[in-house]
């Protein structure tokens, strides 16, 4: 495989990483497919922070595929990790009952009640796999339960045990070091295996292996009686591979031959570098917590040499936040997942959020009103790309959002503004015929023929309204005019309503009503309706705000609401005239 020159089509962070990865892969394994990797622990809901662990290598792998090269994106499902704690807020899970399974492999823990999946790990993997398919992420999934229990890693386990002294010496460099005064902000995003390694697992012994009077061992068996990893290796014979362990939890002990025993795993700080070497991983990102001495990535860079491998190259990535929410942790429960995001936004938008920011830049994903601004920004970029005015880096991010090397992602045929669709969904409260009527009036010269033309965007906006907008912020149009308010209006307010009503029929479209509603206060003050802000005194803005507040009170009984042009279309001409006192 020849070294491929830098892509001439894109000049973003993805293409630059692709250049480095291709060159590094050529040095390490010429002629072989490029290998990039991610690791996910299905210990609970796999959240949007975890998604950066996947999207970073996915975007790089996809760029490499676009250049015509072979690449494998591995996702290691860490489903043979121990069940550490019961996540909060999981439907179908009784915390006390499921706490009895702590210490077992995730694939030995029952799935939440009502699940169609055979165990805990498969239940949470399934939702992520479905989301990755919708996002266009191509990957090779590797179950670590399958790898360990089928004996795939047997040679590597025996090798680690034979070189346990060297591994122990590497780890010992960090055991006595004091923790830094301030721990860097965690962002692997809460990989449960990583957390176990960094925090330790209590009575089971040191987090980086089993140490005791018999010495250090980088392997931990799962108990043959209670299935938990609360075990200590008490002896090991290199010649025969005879290993004896005792379970602290239930008192069970046994002697096995490690060259034929498949019920256990290497501890995390050894397991991860072993996999780098075994799979030939060239590129894998890591969280900012790995910059600290003694972290799994840093230590793994030394241990990987014991397995005749090299540490992957790759960036440390920053935090992914949620508008209005604290940092994500799957152990706390209630954290939004990719599936949650894809209910309210199209996959292109979600891909764009990860593609447009360099891995070391943090960003937020909006579940609140901010989603409307993000969609406005996306639609503006879409238009700039279409007319050729977008900047090169923005063009690159857009291209990575809308298509992969395998083709373009399905998209909404007629992408009307998200905020407009959300307002219509809010006002019509699920009545699709009424929604179609309103949307068909937005552009009388090119009326909408069916709601399918604005799907799936309309469905996403409707889901956002129904699940993320508080009840007290929903829009309920008045049934009857507010006669008391109408009677109390002074001459200026009454004149503004007459001006609006007089031009209503001639401006009955989204653009027409936008111009008309903003123009009424201008005309009333003696200016042209077409006057620009630069041509108007500051008090016109104050007059507009007062006029808008009056309309909202008369139509929906509060100070604010959906954009007025959309609201007027939704209410309909006849009802608007009634509510405004005509």
Protein backbone atom coordinates (compact mmCIF):
# COMPACT_ATOMS: atom_id res chain seq x y z
CA UNK A 1 0.00 0.00 0.00
CA UNK A 2 1.69 3.24 -1.08
CA UNK A 3 1.69 6.29 1.11
CA UNK A 4 -1.17 8.45 -0.06
CA UNK A 5 -0.70 12.20 -0.44
CA UNK A 6 -2.77 14.62 1.57
CA UNK A 7 -6.36 14.91 0.43
CA UNK A 8 -6.86 17.87 -1.89
CA UNK A 9 -10.61 17.96 -1.24
CA UNK A 10 -10.59 18.86 2.43
CA UNK A 11 -8.32 20.79 4.76
CA UNK A 12 -9.86 20.08 8.15
CA UNK A 13 -8.63 18.26 11.25
CA UNK A 14 -9.98 14.95 9.93
CA UNK A 15 -7.93 15.02 6.74
CA UNK A 16 -4.79 15.97 8.66
CA UNK A 17 -5.23 13.03 11.04
CA UNK A 18 -5.91 10.75 8.07
CA UNK A 19 -2.57 11.77 6.56
CA UNK A 20 -0.75 10.92 9.79
CA UNK A 21 -2.58 7.62 10.27
CA UNK A 22 -1.90 6.45 6.71
CA UNK A 23 1.79 7.24 7.04
CA UNK A 24 2.03 5.55 10.45
CA UNK A 25 0.18 2.47 9.19
CA UNK A 26 2.58 2.23 6.24
CA UNK A 27 5.52 2.28 8.63
CA UNK A 28 4.06 -0.33 10.96
CA UNK A 29 2.23 -2.69 8.64
CA UNK A 30 2.83 -1.92 4.96
CA UNK A 31 0.25 -3.39 2.62
CA UNK A 32 -2.29 -4.14 5.35
CA UNK A 33 -5.60 -2.38 6.11
CA UNK A 34 -5.35 0.62 8.40
CA UNK A 35 -6.73 -0.20 11.88
CA UNK A 36 -8.44 2.42 14.05
CA UNK A 37 -10.23 1.60 17.29
CA UNK A 38 -12.81 2.63 19.86
CA UNK A 39 -13.79 1.03 23.15
CA UNK A 40 -17.22 1.14 24.74
CA UNK A 41 -18.45 -0.35 27.99
CA UNK A 42 -22.16 -1.35 27.93
CA UNK A 43 -22.36 -0.95 31.71
CA UNK A 44 -25.39 1.30 31.29
CA UNK A 45 -26.78 3.73 28.74
CA UNK A 46 -23.98 4.62 26.30
CA UNK A 47 -24.25 8.40 26.24
CA UNK A 48 -23.34 11.26 23.93
CA UNK A 49 -19.98 11.71 25.64
CA UNK A 50 -19.10 8.12 24.76
CA UNK A 51 -20.10 8.87 21.16
CA UNK A 52 -17.00 11.04 20.72
CA UNK A 53 -14.95 7.91 21.41
CA UNK A 54 -16.56 6.49 18.26
CA UNK A 55 -17.06 9.53 16.02
CA UNK A 56 -13.42 10.68 16.15
CA UNK A 57 -11.97 7.47 14.67
CA UNK A 58 -15.05 7.00 12.47
CA UNK A 59 -14.50 10.33 10.73
CA UNK A 60 -10.81 9.55 10.23
CA UNK A 61 -11.57 6.03 8.97
CA UNK A 62 -14.22 7.39 6.63
CA UNK A 63 -11.74 9.89 5.16
CA UNK A 64 -9.29 7.05 4.57
CA UNK A 65 -12.04 5.06 2.81
CA UNK A 66 -12.83 8.09 0.64
CA UNK A 67 -9.24 7.92 -0.57
CA UNK A 68 -9.77 4.35 -1.72
CA UNK A 69 -7.79 2.60 1.01
CA UNK A 70 -8.83 -0.34 3.17
CA UNK A 71 -9.51 0.50 6.81
CA UNK A 72 -11.02 -1.30 9.78
CA UNK A 73 -12.76 0.62 12.53
CA UNK A 74 -12.86 -1.71 15.52
CA UNK A 75 -15.29 -1.14 18.35
CA UNK A 76 -14.33 -3.27 21.32
CA UNK A 77 -17.39 -3.90 23.44
CA UNK A 78 -16.01 -4.18 26.95
CA UNK A 79 -18.83 -6.52 27.91
CA UNK A 80 -16.56 -8.81 29.94
CA UNK A 81 -15.84 -6.01 32.41
CA UNK A 82 -17.16 -6.33 35.93
CA UNK A 83 -20.57 -4.90 36.80
CA UNK A 84 -19.46 -2.08 39.09
CA UNK A 85 -22.66 -0.43 40.26
CA UNK A 86 -26.34 -0.18 39.47
CA UNK A 87 -26.96 2.92 37.32
CA UNK A 88 -29.63 5.27 38.58
CA UNK A 89 -32.96 5.62 36.88
CA UNK A 90 -32.95 2.54 34.62
CA UNK A 91 -36.49 1.36 33.85
CA UNK A 92 -37.13 -2.25 34.84
CA UNK A 93 -34.26 -2.36 37.35
CA UNK A 94 -34.68 -2.75 41.08
CA UNK A 95 -31.48 -1.31 42.53
CA UNK A 96 -31.35 -3.66 45.50
CA UNK A 97 -31.97 -6.77 43.39
CA UNK A 98 -29.44 -5.85 40.72
CA UNK A 99 -26.82 -4.89 43.33
CA UNK A 100 -26.49 -8.62 44.01
CA UNK A 101 -24.82 -8.97 40.61
CA UNK A 102 -22.03 -6.47 41.26
CA UNK A 103 -18.71 -8.11 40.43
CA UNK A 104 -20.03 -10.38 37.66
CA UNK A 105 -19.21 -9.90 33.97
CA UNK A 106 -21.69 -7.56 32.30
CA UNK A 107 -22.83 -10.42 30.07
CA UNK A 108 -23.76 -12.46 33.17
CA UNK A 109 -26.05 -9.77 34.58
CA UNK A 110 -29.76 -10.00 33.70
CA UNK A 111 -31.14 -7.40 31.32
CA UNK A 112 -33.63 -4.87 32.73
CA UNK A 113 -37.11 -6.33 33.18
CA UNK A 114 -39.06 -6.30 29.93
CA UNK A 115 -35.97 -6.26 27.71
CA UNK A 116 -35.85 -8.50 24.66
CA UNK A 117 -32.11 -9.01 25.06
CA UNK A 118 -30.38 -11.92 26.85
CA UNK A 119 -28.27 -9.89 29.29
CA UNK A 120 -27.35 -6.46 30.57
CA UNK A 121 -24.54 -5.83 28.07
CA UNK A 122 -26.56 -6.84 25.02
CA UNK A 123 -29.44 -4.62 26.13
CA UNK A 124 -27.31 -1.46 26.12
CA UNK A 125 -25.22 -2.48 23.12
CA UNK A 126 -28.34 -2.88 20.98
CA UNK A 127 -29.45 0.73 21.36
CA UNK A 128 -25.99 2.02 20.46
CA UNK A 129 -25.69 -0.26 17.44
CA UNK A 130 -29.01 1.02 16.13
CA UNK A 131 -27.91 4.63 16.59
CA UNK A 132 -24.57 4.04 14.87
CA UNK A 133 -26.40 2.56 11.89
CA UNK A 134 -28.57 5.68 11.63
CA UNK A 135 -25.44 7.83 11.86
CA UNK A 136 -23.78 5.92 9.03
CA UNK A 137 -20.94 4.56 11.19
CA UNK A 138 -19.34 1.47 9.67
CA UNK A 139 -17.45 -0.68 12.18
CA UNK A 140 -16.34 -4.17 13.18
CA UNK A 141 -17.70 -5.00 16.63
CA UNK A 142 -15.64 -7.21 18.93
CA UNK A 143 -17.21 -8.71 22.04
CA UNK A 144 -14.57 -9.08 24.73
CA UNK A 145 -16.73 -11.75 26.37
CA UNK A 146 -16.50 -13.79 23.16
CA UNK A 147 -12.76 -13.15 22.86
CA UNK A 148 -11.92 -14.19 26.40
CA UNK A 149 -14.33 -17.09 26.87
CA UNK A 150 -13.39 -18.70 23.54
CA UNK A 151 -9.68 -18.62 24.36
CA UNK A 152 -8.70 -16.14 21.64
CA UNK A 153 -6.41 -14.30 24.05
CA UNK A 154 -4.97 -17.39 25.75
CA UNK A 155 -1.48 -16.92 24.34
CA UNK A 156 -1.50 -13.25 25.36
CA UNK A 157 -2.69 -14.12 28.90
CA UNK A 158 0.07 -16.70 29.34
CA UNK A 159 2.58 -14.20 27.96
CA UNK A 160 1.44 -11.55 30.45
CA UNK A 161 1.70 -14.01 33.32
CA UNK A 162 5.18 -15.02 32.23
CA UNK A 163 6.23 -11.36 32.13
CA UNK A 164 4.35 -10.31 35.24
CA UNK A 165 7.52 -9.07 36.89
CA UNK A 166 8.16 -6.60 34.07
CA UNK A 167 4.54 -5.45 34.13
CA UNK A 168 4.65 -5.05 37.90
CA UNK A 169 7.83 -2.96 37.62
CA UNK A 170 6.18 -0.60 35.14
CA UNK A 171 3.09 -0.21 37.29
CA UNK A 172 5.20 0.25 40.40
CA UNK A 173 6.66 3.44 38.93
CA UNK A 174 3.26 5.05 39.46
CA UNK A 175 1.91 3.37 42.60
CA UNK A 176 3.94 5.50 44.98
CA UNK A 177 3.40 8.79 43.17
CA UNK A 178 1.11 11.29 44.84
CA UNK A 179 -1.98 12.28 42.96
CA UNK A 180 -1.82 15.72 41.31
CA UNK A 181 -3.40 18.56 43.26
CA UNK A 182 -6.18 18.87 40.74
CA UNK A 183 -7.22 15.94 38.61
CA UNK A 184 -7.81 16.85 34.96
CA UNK A 185 -11.43 16.88 33.89
CA UNK A 186 -12.43 13.32 33.12
CA UNK A 187 -13.48 12.54 29.59
CA UNK A 188 -12.92 9.02 28.43
CA UNK A 189 -16.34 9.68 28.71
CA UNK A 190 -16.77 7.66 31.83
CA UNK A 191 -15.56 4.36 30.42
CA UNK A 192 -16.46 1.98 33.23
CA UNK A 193 -13.41 -0.22 32.67
CA UNK A 194 -11.20 2.86 32.83
CA UNK A 195 -12.91 4.10 35.96
CA UNK A 196 -12.41 0.72 37.59
CA UNK A 197 -8.74 0.83 36.71
CA UNK A 198 -8.24 4.35 38.01
CA UNK A 199 -10.36 4.09 41.15
CA UNK A 200 -9.74 0.50 42.14
CA UNK A 201 -12.20 -2.24 42.92
CA UNK A 202 -12.13 -2.45 46.67
CA UNK A 203 -11.73 -5.87 48.26
CA UNK A 204 -10.72 -7.50 44.99
CA UNK A 205 -7.24 -6.08 45.42
CA UNK A 206 -5.17 -3.54 43.52
CA UNK A 207 -6.82 -2.09 40.43
CA UNK A 208 -3.82 -3.00 38.26
CA UNK A 209 -3.68 -6.64 39.28
CA UNK A 210 -3.69 -9.08 42.15
CA UNK A 211 -0.86 -8.55 44.64
CA UNK A 212 -0.26 -10.50 47.79
CA UNK A 213 2.18 -12.86 49.44
CA UNK A 214 2.28 -14.93 46.25
CA UNK A 215 3.38 -11.91 44.21
CA UNK A 216 1.81 -9.80 41.50
CA UNK A 217 -0.56 -11.23 38.85
CA UNK A 218 -2.06 -9.26 35.94
CA UNK A 219 -4.93 -11.73 35.57
CA UNK A 220 -8.17 -11.95 37.52
CA UNK A 221 -10.43 -15.02 37.36
CA UNK A 222 -14.18 -14.84 37.71
CA UNK A 223 -15.27 -17.13 40.53
CA UNK A 224 -16.49 -20.57 39.47
CA UNK A 225 -19.19 -20.45 42.14
CA UNK A 226 -20.59 -16.91 42.42
CA UNK A 227 -19.26 -15.65 39.05
CA UNK A 228 -17.81 -12.51 40.64
CA UNK A 229 -14.30 -11.14 40.23
CA UNK A 230 -13.74 -10.69 43.97
CA UNK A 231 -10.92 -13.18 43.70
CA UNK A 232 -7.24 -13.31 44.59
CA UNK A 233 -4.67 -15.45 42.81
CA UNK A 234 -2.81 -17.32 45.55
CA UNK A 235 -0.31 -19.27 43.42
CA UNK A 236 0.79 -19.79 39.84
CA UNK A 237 3.22 -22.27 38.27
CA UNK A 238 4.78 -21.06 35.03
CA UNK A 239 5.76 -24.54 33.84
CA UNK A 240 2.36 -26.16 34.26
CA UNK A 241 0.26 -22.95 34.14
CA UNK A 242 -1.51 -24.20 37.28
CA UNK A 243 -3.28 -21.27 38.93
CA UNK A 244 -5.02 -21.29 42.29
CA UNK A 245 -7.41 -18.57 43.34
CA UNK A 246 -9.75 -17.88 46.23
CA UNK A 247 -12.97 -15.87 46.21
CA UNK A 248 -13.34 -13.28 48.93
CA UNK A 249 -17.08 -13.05 48.34
CA UNK A 250 -18.18 -16.68 48.76
CA UNK A 251 -15.05 -18.49 49.99
CA UNK A 252 -14.81 -20.73 46.93
CA UNK A 253 -11.35 -21.70 45.71
CA UNK A 254 -10.01 -23.93 42.97
CA UNK A 255 -6.91 -24.79 41.00
CA UNK A 256 -7.07 -24.61 37.20
CA UNK A 257 -4.70 -24.81 34.25
CA UNK A 258 -4.53 -21.40 32.69
CA UNK A 259 -3.66 -22.87 29.30
CA UNK A 260 -7.20 -24.27 29.14
CA UNK A 261 -9.12 -21.91 31.45
CA UNK A 262 -11.31 -19.19 29.91
CA UNK A 263 -13.22 -17.65 32.82
CA UNK A 264 -11.22 -14.54 33.61
CA UNK A 265 -9.46 -11.59 32.03
CA UNK A 266 -6.37 -9.44 32.14
CA UNK A 267 -6.72 -6.38 34.35
CA UNK A 268 -7.57 -3.22 32.46
CA UNK A 269 -4.14 -1.60 32.42
CA UNK A 270 -2.74 -4.73 30.80
CA UNK A 271 -5.80 -5.70 28.77
CA UNK A 272 -5.90 -2.46 26.76
CA UNK A 273 -2.26 -2.48 25.52
CA UNK A 274 -2.54 -6.22 24.86
CA UNK A 275 -5.40 -5.47 22.45
CA UNK A 276 -3.42 -2.70 20.73
CA UNK A 277 -0.73 -5.23 19.94
CA UNK A 278 -3.12 -8.07 19.07
CA UNK A 279 -5.23 -5.99 16.67
CA UNK A 280 -2.42 -3.82 15.33
CA UNK A 281 -4.25 -0.60 16.26
CA UNK A 282 -2.67 2.48 14.67
CA UNK A 283 -5.13 5.17 15.78
CA UNK A 284 -7.27 5.43 18.90
CA UNK A 285 -8.37 8.62 20.69
CA UNK A 286 -8.35 8.98 24.45
CA UNK A 287 -9.89 11.29 27.02
CA UNK A 288 -8.07 14.17 28.70
CA UNK A 289 -7.77 12.13 31.91
CA UNK A 290 -5.09 10.08 30.12
CA UNK A 291 -2.68 13.01 30.28
CA UNK A 292 -2.06 12.30 33.97
CA UNK A 293 0.83 10.08 35.10
CA UNK A 294 -0.31 6.54 35.81
CA UNK A 295 -3.36 6.69 33.57
CA UNK A 296 -4.17 3.62 31.53
CA UNK A 297 -3.14 5.20 28.23
CA UNK A 298 0.19 6.43 29.58
CA UNK A 299 1.02 3.17 31.34
CA UNK A 300 -0.24 1.17 28.38
CA UNK A 301 2.29 2.91 26.19
CA UNK A 302 5.01 1.13 28.20
CA UNK A 303 3.25 -2.19 28.71
CA UNK A 304 2.40 -2.60 25.02
CA UNK A 305 6.08 -3.27 24.29
CA UNK A 306 5.88 -6.46 26.37
CA UNK A 307 3.42 -7.73 23.73
CA UNK A 308 5.73 -6.58 20.89
CA UNK A 309 3.31 -3.85 19.95
CA UNK A 310 3.22 -0.06 19.71
CA UNK A 311 0.95 2.47 21.29
CA UNK A 312 -1.60 3.95 18.87
CA UNK A 313 -1.35 7.56 17.83
CA UNK A 314 -4.39 9.71 18.42
CA UNK A 315 -5.67 12.86 20.08
CA UNK A 316 -6.99 13.42 23.54
CA UNK A 317 -10.54 14.62 23.18
CA UNK A 318 -12.43 17.16 25.25
CA UNK A 319 -15.73 17.16 27.04
CA UNK A 320 -19.12 16.89 25.35
CA UNK A 321 -21.83 18.66 27.31
CA UNK A 322 -25.58 18.98 27.15
CA UNK A 323 -27.37 22.33 27.26
CA UNK A 324 -28.72 22.79 30.76
CA UNK A 325 -27.23 19.57 32.18
CA UNK A 326 -24.15 18.66 34.19
CA UNK A 327 -21.30 16.49 32.92
CA UNK A 328 -22.43 13.07 31.74
CA UNK A 329 -21.82 9.87 33.67
CA UNK A 330 -23.51 6.61 32.76
CA UNK A 331 -23.38 5.47 36.38
CA UNK A 332 -25.63 8.34 37.47
CA UNK A 333 -28.43 7.52 35.05
CA UNK A 334 -30.68 9.88 33.20
CA UNK A 335 -27.95 10.88 30.73
CA UNK A 336 -28.96 11.47 27.11
CA UNK A 337 -27.85 8.86 24.60
CA UNK A 338 -27.34 9.06 20.84
CA UNK A 339 -30.81 7.51 20.49
CA UNK A 340 -32.26 10.36 22.55
CA UNK A 341 -30.54 12.92 20.33
CA UNK A 342 -31.66 11.20 17.13
CA UNK A 343 -35.28 11.43 18.25
CA UNK A 344 -35.10 15.22 18.02
CA UNK A 345 -32.42 15.86 15.38
CA UNK A 346 -31.47 14.44 12.03
CA UNK A 347 -28.27 12.37 11.86
CA UNK A 348 -26.62 15.01 9.66
CA UNK A 349 -26.88 17.62 12.41
CA UNK A 350 -25.50 15.27 15.06
CA UNK A 351 -22.59 14.21 12.80
CA UNK A 352 -21.85 17.87 12.09
CA UNK A 353 -21.56 18.72 15.78
CA UNK A 354 -18.75 16.16 16.13
CA UNK A 355 -17.12 16.90 12.76
CA UNK A 356 -16.87 20.68 12.99
CA UNK A 357 -14.91 20.79 16.26
CA UNK A 358 -11.36 19.52 16.68
CA UNK A 359 -11.18 16.67 19.21
CA UNK A 360 -9.52 18.89 21.81
CA UNK A 361 -12.41 21.39 21.63
CA UNK A 362 -15.38 20.87 23.91
CA UNK A 363 -18.91 21.52 22.70
CA UNK A 364 -22.50 21.12 23.79
CA UNK A 365 -25.43 19.23 22.30
CA UNK A 366 -28.72 21.06 22.70
CA UNK A 367 -31.89 19.53 24.04
CA UNK A 368 -33.34 22.92 24.98
CA UNK A 369 -34.31 25.96 22.89
CA UNK A 370 -30.74 26.15 21.63
CA UNK A 371 -31.50 23.33 19.19
CA UNK A 372 -33.46 25.82 17.09
CA UNK A 373 -30.43 28.11 16.78
CA UNK A 374 -28.21 25.15 15.89
CA UNK A 375 -30.61 24.16 13.13
CA UNK A 376 -30.66 27.75 11.83
CA UNK A 377 -26.86 27.67 11.74
CA UNK A 378 -26.89 24.32 9.94
CA UNK A 379 -29.40 25.51 7.33
CA UNK A 380 -27.32 28.65 6.66
CA UNK A 381 -24.26 26.47 6.13
CA UNK A 382 -26.26 24.20 3.83
CA UNK A 383 -27.23 27.23 1.73
CA UNK A 384 -23.65 28.55 1.63
CA UNK A 385 -22.33 25.18 0.51
CA UNK A 386 -24.98 25.07 -2.21
CA UNK A 387 -24.11 28.52 -3.57
CA UNK A 388 -20.35 28.09 -3.19
CA UNK A 389 -19.74 30.76 -0.54
CA UNK A 390 -18.81 28.51 2.41
CA UNK A 391 -15.26 28.41 3.80
CA UNK A 392 -13.13 25.31 3.05
CA UNK A 393 -13.20 23.97 6.63
CA UNK A 394 -16.99 24.46 6.79
CA UNK A 395 -17.40 22.69 3.45
CA UNK A 396 -15.38 19.77 4.81
CA UNK A 397 -17.44 19.50 8.01
CA UNK A 398 -20.66 19.70 5.98
CA UNK A 399 -19.48 16.98 3.60
CA UNK A 400 -18.65 14.69 6.52
CA UNK A 401 -22.08 15.33 8.02
CA UNK A 402 -24.21 14.59 4.97
CA UNK A 403 -22.38 11.62 3.50
CA UNK A 404 -19.89 8.85 4.19
CA UNK A 405 -17.62 6.97 1.82
CA UNK A 406 -20.57 4.62 1.33
CA UNK A 407 -22.92 7.33 0.09
CA UNK A 408 -25.23 10.14 1.20
CA UNK A 409 -27.31 9.76 4.35
CA UNK A 410 -31.11 9.90 3.91
CA UNK A 411 -32.31 13.48 4.29
CA UNK A 412 -35.47 15.56 4.44
CA UNK A 413 -36.62 16.34 0.89
CA UNK A 414 -37.83 19.83 1.78
CA UNK A 415 -35.98 21.02 4.91
CA UNK A 416 -38.18 23.82 6.21
CA UNK A 417 -36.79 25.73 9.23
CA UNK A 418 -36.77 23.57 12.35
CA UNK A 419 -38.18 26.37 14.51
CA UNK A 420 -41.10 26.74 12.08
CA UNK A 421 -41.83 23.02 12.13
CA UNK A 422 -41.57 22.99 15.92
CA UNK A 423 -44.00 25.90 16.20
CA UNK A 424 -46.48 24.19 13.90
CA UNK A 425 -46.19 20.91 15.80
CA UNK A 426 -46.69 22.82 19.05
CA UNK A 427 -49.75 24.73 17.88
CA UNK A 428 -51.47 21.80 16.13
CA UNK A 429 -50.86 19.34 19.00
CA UNK A 430 -50.60 16.27 16.76
CA UNK A 431 -53.31 17.14 14.22
CA UNK A 432 -51.52 16.31 10.98
CA UNK A 433 -54.21 17.69 8.65
CA UNK A 434 -54.00 21.05 10.38
CA UNK A 435 -50.19 20.94 10.28
CA UNK A 436 -50.26 20.26 6.54
CA UNK A 437 -52.68 23.18 6.00
CA UNK A 438 -50.39 25.58 7.82
CA UNK A 439 -47.22 24.36 6.15
CA UNK A 440 -48.81 24.50 2.71
CA UNK A 441 -49.53 28.20 3.28
CA UNK A 442 -45.93 29.08 4.11
CA UNK A 443 -45.09 29.45 0.43
CA UNK A 444 -48.28 29.84 -1.68
CA UNK A 445 -46.24 29.73 -4.91
CA UNK A 446 -44.82 26.32 -4.02
CA UNK A 447 -47.27 24.74 -1.57
CA UNK A 448 -46.40 21.63 0.40
CA UNK A 449 -48.23 18.60 -0.97
CA UNK A 450 -47.75 16.15 1.89
CA UNK A 451 -46.10 16.01 5.31
CA UNK A 452 -43.74 13.33 4.00
CA UNK A 453 -41.93 16.08 2.11
CA UNK A 454 -40.78 17.58 5.43
CA UNK A 455 -40.03 14.29 7.12
CA UNK A 456 -38.07 13.19 9.07
CA UNK A 457 -37.32 16.76 10.18
CA UNK A 458 -40.96 17.45 11.06
CA UNK A 459 -41.13 14.30 13.20
CA UNK A 460 -37.91 15.29 15.01
CA UNK A 461 -39.28 18.78 15.73
CA UNK A 462 -42.56 17.33 16.94
CA UNK A 463 -40.69 14.92 19.23
CA UNK A 464 -38.69 17.82 20.66
CA UNK A 465 -41.86 19.79 21.38
CA UNK A 466 -43.52 16.80 23.04
CA UNK A 467 -40.56 15.66 25.15
CA UNK A 468 -38.38 18.69 25.91
CA UNK A 469 -40.64 21.73 26.07
CA UNK A 470 -42.26 22.16 29.51
CA UNK A 471 -46.05 22.17 29.62
CA UNK A 472 -46.16 25.77 30.80
CA UNK A 473 -44.24 26.80 27.68
CA UNK A 474 -46.51 25.02 25.21
CA UNK A 475 -48.74 27.16 23.00
CA UNK A 476 -52.51 27.13 23.55
CA UNK A 477 -54.44 29.49 21.30
CA UNK A 478 -57.34 31.33 22.94
CA UNK A 479 -60.84 30.02 22.29
CA UNK A 480 -62.44 33.45 22.71
CA UNK A 481 -61.22 37.05 22.35
CA UNK A 482 -59.84 38.78 25.43
CA UNK A 483 -62.61 41.41 25.45
CA UNK A 484 -61.36 43.18 28.57
CA UNK A 485 -57.89 43.68 27.07
CA UNK A 486 -59.36 44.81 23.75
CA UNK A 487 -61.58 47.40 25.47
CA UNK A 488 -58.64 48.76 27.49
CA UNK A 489 -56.44 49.50 24.45
CA UNK A 490 -55.55 53.10 23.70
CA UNK A 491 -55.88 54.61 20.22
CA UNK A 492 -52.29 53.81 19.23
CA UNK A 493 -52.68 50.10 20.09
CA UNK A 494 -56.02 49.93 18.29
CA UNK A 495 -54.47 51.55 15.23
CA UNK A 496 -51.67 48.97 15.18
CA UNK A 497 -54.22 46.13 15.17
CA UNK A 498 -56.17 47.79 12.31
CA UNK A 499 -52.99 48.15 10.25
CA UNK A 500 -52.19 44.49 10.82
CA UNK A 501 -55.69 43.28 9.92
CA UNK A 502 -55.93 45.49 6.83
CA UNK A 503 -52.85 43.89 5.28
CA UNK A 504 -53.44 40.36 6.50
CA UNK A 505 -54.97 38.87 3.34
CA UNK A 506 -52.41 40.42 0.97
CA UNK A 507 -49.48 39.13 3.05
CA UNK A 508 -50.72 35.64 3.91
CA UNK A 509 -47.44 33.70 3.56
CA UNK A 510 -44.49 33.20 5.86
CA UNK A 511 -42.34 35.84 4.14
CA UNK A 512 -45.29 38.19 3.65
CA UNK A 513 -46.39 38.05 7.27
CA UNK A 514 -42.82 38.46 8.50
CA UNK A 515 -42.48 41.67 6.50
CA UNK A 516 -45.96 42.86 7.52
CA UNK A 517 -45.70 42.19 11.27
CA UNK A 518 -42.34 43.96 11.54
CA UNK A 519 -43.58 46.75 9.28
CA UNK A 520 -46.68 47.80 11.26
CA UNK A 521 -44.77 49.77 13.97
CA UNK A 522 -42.62 51.39 11.25
CA UNK A 523 -45.64 52.57 9.26
CA UNK A 524 -47.38 53.72 12.41
CA UNK A 525 -44.35 55.90 13.22
CA UNK A 526 -44.36 57.41 9.72
CA UNK A 527 -41.64 55.29 8.10
CA UNK A 528 -41.79 52.92 5.17
CA UNK A 529 -42.43 49.25 5.97
CA UNK A 530 -39.25 48.53 3.98
CA UNK A 531 -37.07 50.82 6.10
CA UNK A 532 -33.91 49.11 7.38
CA UNK A 533 -32.79 49.24 11.04
CA UNK A 534 -30.08 51.77 10.11
CA UNK A 535 -32.78 54.12 8.84
CA UNK A 536 -34.90 53.90 12.00
CA UNK A 537 -34.59 55.50 15.45
CA UNK A 538 -33.98 53.15 18.43
CA UNK A 539 -37.52 53.62 19.75
CA UNK A 540 -38.92 51.65 16.79
CA UNK A 541 -37.48 48.46 18.33
CA UNK A 542 -39.26 49.28 21.58
CA UNK A 543 -42.50 49.83 19.67
CA UNK A 544 -42.07 46.49 17.87
CA UNK A 545 -41.55 44.64 21.16
CA UNK A 546 -44.68 46.21 22.64
CA UNK A 547 -46.69 45.39 19.52
CA UNK A 548 -45.50 41.76 19.53
CA UNK A 549 -46.33 41.38 23.24
CA UNK A 550 -49.84 42.69 22.57
CA UNK A 551 -50.39 40.17 19.78
CA UNK A 552 -49.14 37.29 21.93
CA UNK A 553 -51.49 38.29 24.76
CA UNK A 554 -54.47 38.48 22.41
CA UNK A 555 -53.65 35.19 20.65
CA UNK A 556 -52.15 32.91 23.33
CA UNK A 557 -52.53 34.80 26.61
CA UNK A 558 -48.87 35.38 27.45
CA UNK A 559 -45.93 37.66 26.60
CA UNK A 560 -44.11 35.34 24.22
CA UNK A 561 -44.66 32.33 21.99
CA UNK A 562 -43.70 30.89 18.60
CA UNK A 563 -42.55 33.33 15.91
CA UNK A 564 -45.52 35.53 15.15
CA UNK A 565 -45.69 34.87 11.38
CA UNK A 566 -45.85 31.13 12.04
CA UNK A 567 -48.36 31.62 14.84
CA UNK A 568 -50.64 33.71 12.62
CA UNK A 569 -50.55 31.09 9.87
CA UNK A 570 -51.30 28.39 12.41
CA UNK A 571 -54.28 30.21 13.90
CA UNK A 572 -55.73 30.97 10.46
CA UNK A 573 -57.04 34.27 9.05
CA UNK A 574 -60.61 33.99 10.26
CA UNK A 575 -59.67 33.11 13.82
CA UNK A 576 -56.94 35.77 13.93
CA UNK A 577 -59.49 38.41 12.94
CA UNK A 578 -61.87 37.21 15.66
CA UNK A 579 -59.23 37.15 18.40
CA UNK A 580 -57.93 40.60 17.41
CA UNK A 581 -61.41 42.07 17.77
CA UNK A 582 -62.48 42.61 14.15
